[in-house]
Amino acid sequence: MMRGDRNSAHGAVQSLANFDIQNRYGRQSLARLFELLRTGQEPEVSFSFLQFSQRKTKGNRWKSWAEFKKSALQALDLIGLRPDTEDK
């Protein structure tokens, strides 16, 4: 959740503090995600947005990490972010 979303919560900001990604853990997580996208490595954890089961689920779910990676790289490219460098 981004700062603008948190601030629009009208008083519920304190209850959302645990979801703040604008700290060292958020930066480390984003850096690791970019590293995974850049190198093509498989993540060492399972993500809830990847669909591993055979049952039908609602919403946009990717069937594999490779499928998500392709979509993520396209979306990042659309906004001018390229995770193909090791800048930190």
C-alpha atoms as a PDB file:
ATOM      1  CA  MET A   1       0.000   0.000   0.000  1.00  0.00           C
ATOM      2  CA  MET A   2       1.453   3.322  -1.001  1.00  0.00           C
ATOM      3  CA  ARG A   3       1.525   6.459   1.135  1.00  0.00           C
ATOM      4  CA  GLY A   4      -1.357   8.141  -0.723  1.00  0.00           C
ATOM      5  CA  ASP A   5      -3.557   5.088  -0.191  1.00  0.00           C
ATOM      6  CA  ARG A   6      -2.677   5.030   3.500  1.00  0.00           C
ATOM      7  CA  ASN A   7      -3.376   8.722   3.931  1.00  0.00           C
ATOM      8  CA  SER A   8      -6.804   8.390   2.353  1.00  0.00           C
ATOM      9  CA  ALA A   9      -7.847   5.919   5.052  1.00  0.00           C
ATOM     10  CA  HIS A  10      -9.181   8.779   7.271  1.00  0.00           C
ATOM     11  CA  GLY A  11      -7.931   7.834  10.702  1.00  0.00           C
ATOM     12  CA  ALA A  12      -7.233   4.197   9.992  1.00  0.00           C
ATOM     13  CA  VAL A  13      -3.600   4.979   9.177  1.00  0.00           C
ATOM     14  CA  GLN A  14      -2.251   3.464  12.406  1.00  0.00           C
ATOM     15  CA  SER A  15      -3.959   0.144  11.727  1.00  0.00           C
ATOM     16  CA  LEU A  16      -2.302   0.048   8.290  1.00  0.00           C
ATOM     17  CA  ALA A  17       1.229   0.700   9.579  1.00  0.00           C
ATOM     18  CA  ASN A  18       2.087  -3.003   9.341  1.00  0.00           C
ATOM     19  CA  PHE A  19       1.534  -2.864   5.578  1.00  0.00           C
ATOM     20  CA  ASP A  20       3.942   0.014   4.942  1.00  0.00           C
ATOM     21  CA  ILE A  21       6.470  -0.943   2.272  1.00  0.00           C
ATOM     22  CA  GLN A  22       8.315   2.352   2.417  1.00  0.00           C
ATOM     23  CA  ASN A  23      11.012   1.079   4.753  1.00  0.00           C
ATOM     24  CA  ARG A  24      14.184  -1.004   4.492  1.00  0.00           C
ATOM     25  CA  TYR A  25      12.229  -4.253   4.120  1.00  0.00           C
ATOM     26  CA  GLY A  26      10.164  -2.821   1.290  1.00  0.00           C
ATOM     27  CA  ARG A  27      13.301  -1.594  -0.476  1.00  0.00           C
ATOM     28  CA  GLN A  28      14.978  -4.991  -0.016  1.00  0.00           C
ATOM     29  CA  SER A  29      11.882  -6.791  -1.303  1.00  0.00           C
ATOM     30  CA  LEU A  30      11.610  -4.585  -4.364  1.00  0.00           C
ATOM     31  CA  ALA A  31      15.341  -4.970  -5.060  1.00  0.00           C
ATOM     32  CA  ARG A  32      14.989  -8.763  -4.826  1.00  0.00           C
ATOM     33  CA  LEU A  33      11.962  -8.744  -7.142  1.00  0.00           C
ATOM     34  CA  PHE A  34      13.901  -6.700  -9.711  1.00  0.00           C
ATOM     35  CA  GLU A  35      16.849  -9.066  -9.336  1.00  0.00           C
ATOM     36  CA  LEU A  36      14.609 -12.070 -10.006  1.00  0.00           C
ATOM     37  CA  LEU A  37      13.087 -10.346 -13.028  1.00  0.00           C
ATOM     38  CA  ARG A  38      16.507  -9.291 -14.333  1.00  0.00           C
ATOM     39  CA  THR A  39      18.270 -12.629 -13.893  1.00  0.00           C
ATOM     40  CA  GLY A  40      15.385 -14.946 -14.729  1.00  0.00           C
ATOM     41  CA  GLN A  41      15.900 -16.945 -11.537  1.00  0.00           C
ATOM     42  CA  GLU A  42      13.015 -18.798  -9.973  1.00  0.00           C
ATOM     43  CA  PRO A  43      11.913 -17.273  -6.640  1.00  0.00           C
ATOM     44  CA  GLU A  44      12.745 -19.227  -3.510  1.00  0.00           C
ATOM     45  CA  VAL A  45       9.255 -18.659  -2.095  1.00  0.00           C
ATOM     46  CA  SER A  46       5.791 -19.268  -3.478  1.00  0.00           C
ATOM     47  CA  PHE A  47       3.638 -16.252  -4.291  1.00  0.00           C
ATOM     48  CA  SER A  48      -0.099 -16.249  -3.649  1.00  0.00           C
ATOM     49  CA  PHE A  49      -0.758 -14.548  -6.990  1.00  0.00           C
ATOM     50  CA  LEU A  50       0.629 -17.516  -8.906  1.00  0.00           C
ATOM     51  CA  GLN A  51      -1.992 -20.144  -9.595  1.00  0.00           C
ATOM     52  CA  PHE A  52      -0.691 -23.587  -8.703  1.00  0.00           C
ATOM     53  CA  SER A  53      -3.975 -25.423  -8.291  1.00  0.00           C
ATOM     54  CA  GLN A  54      -6.281 -26.902 -10.897  1.00  0.00           C
ATOM     55  CA  ARG A  55      -9.376 -25.212  -9.485  1.00  0.00           C
ATOM     56  CA  LYS A  56     -10.708 -22.123 -11.168  1.00  0.00           C
ATOM     57  CA  THR A  57     -10.073 -18.854  -9.384  1.00  0.00           C
ATOM     58  CA  LYS A  58     -11.400 -15.370  -9.959  1.00  0.00           C
ATOM     59  CA  GLY A  59      -9.227 -12.537 -11.117  1.00  0.00           C
ATOM     60  CA  ASN A  60      -6.018 -12.369 -13.066  1.00  0.00           C
ATOM     61  CA  ARG A  61      -3.666 -15.079 -11.956  1.00  0.00           C
ATOM     62  CA  TRP A  62      -0.559 -16.223 -13.692  1.00  0.00           C
ATOM     63  CA  LYS A  63      -0.009 -19.936 -14.083  1.00  0.00           C
ATOM     64  CA  SER A  64       3.768 -19.748 -13.678  1.00  0.00           C
ATOM     65  CA  TRP A  65       6.610 -17.511 -12.624  1.00  0.00           C
ATOM     66  CA  ALA A  66       7.682 -17.215 -16.279  1.00  0.00           C
ATOM     67  CA  GLU A  67       4.219 -15.940 -17.229  1.00  0.00           C
ATOM     68  CA  PHE A  68       4.242 -13.401 -14.396  1.00  0.00           C
ATOM     69  CA  LYS A  69       7.785 -12.322 -15.248  1.00  0.00           C
ATOM     70  CA  LYS A  70       6.807 -11.612 -18.853  1.00  0.00           C
ATOM     71  CA  SER A  71       3.789  -9.530 -17.770  1.00  0.00           C
ATOM     72  CA  ALA A  72       5.785  -7.683 -15.115  1.00  0.00           C
ATOM     73  CA  LEU A  73       8.592  -6.778 -17.511  1.00  0.00           C
ATOM     74  CA  GLN A  74       6.074  -5.498 -20.075  1.00  0.00           C
ATOM     75  CA  ALA A  75       4.291  -3.394 -17.447  1.00  0.00           C
ATOM     76  CA  LEU A  76       7.545  -1.953 -16.115  1.00  0.00           C
ATOM     77  CA  ASP A  77       8.692  -1.144 -19.642  1.00  0.00           C
ATOM     78  CA  LEU A  78       5.438   0.753 -20.272  1.00  0.00           C
ATOM     79  CA  ILE A  79       6.250   3.136 -17.419  1.00  0.00           C
ATOM     80  CA  GLY A  80       9.938   3.414 -18.268  1.00  0.00           C
ATOM     81  CA  LEU A  81      11.395   1.181 -15.576  1.00  0.00           C
ATOM     82  CA  ARG A  82      13.921  -1.362 -16.757  1.00  0.00           C
ATOM     83  CA  PRO A  83      15.160  -3.862 -14.180  1.00  0.00           C
ATOM     84  CA  ASP A  84      18.007  -4.886 -16.498  1.00  0.00           C
ATOM     85  CA  THR A  85      20.694  -2.990 -14.591  1.00  0.00           C
ATOM     86  CA  GLU A  86      22.162  -3.610 -11.176  1.00  0.00           C
ATOM     87  CA  ASP A  87      21.608  -0.057  -9.932  1.00  0.00           C
ATOM     88  CA  LYS A  88      20.581  -0.005  -6.292  1.00  0.00           C
END
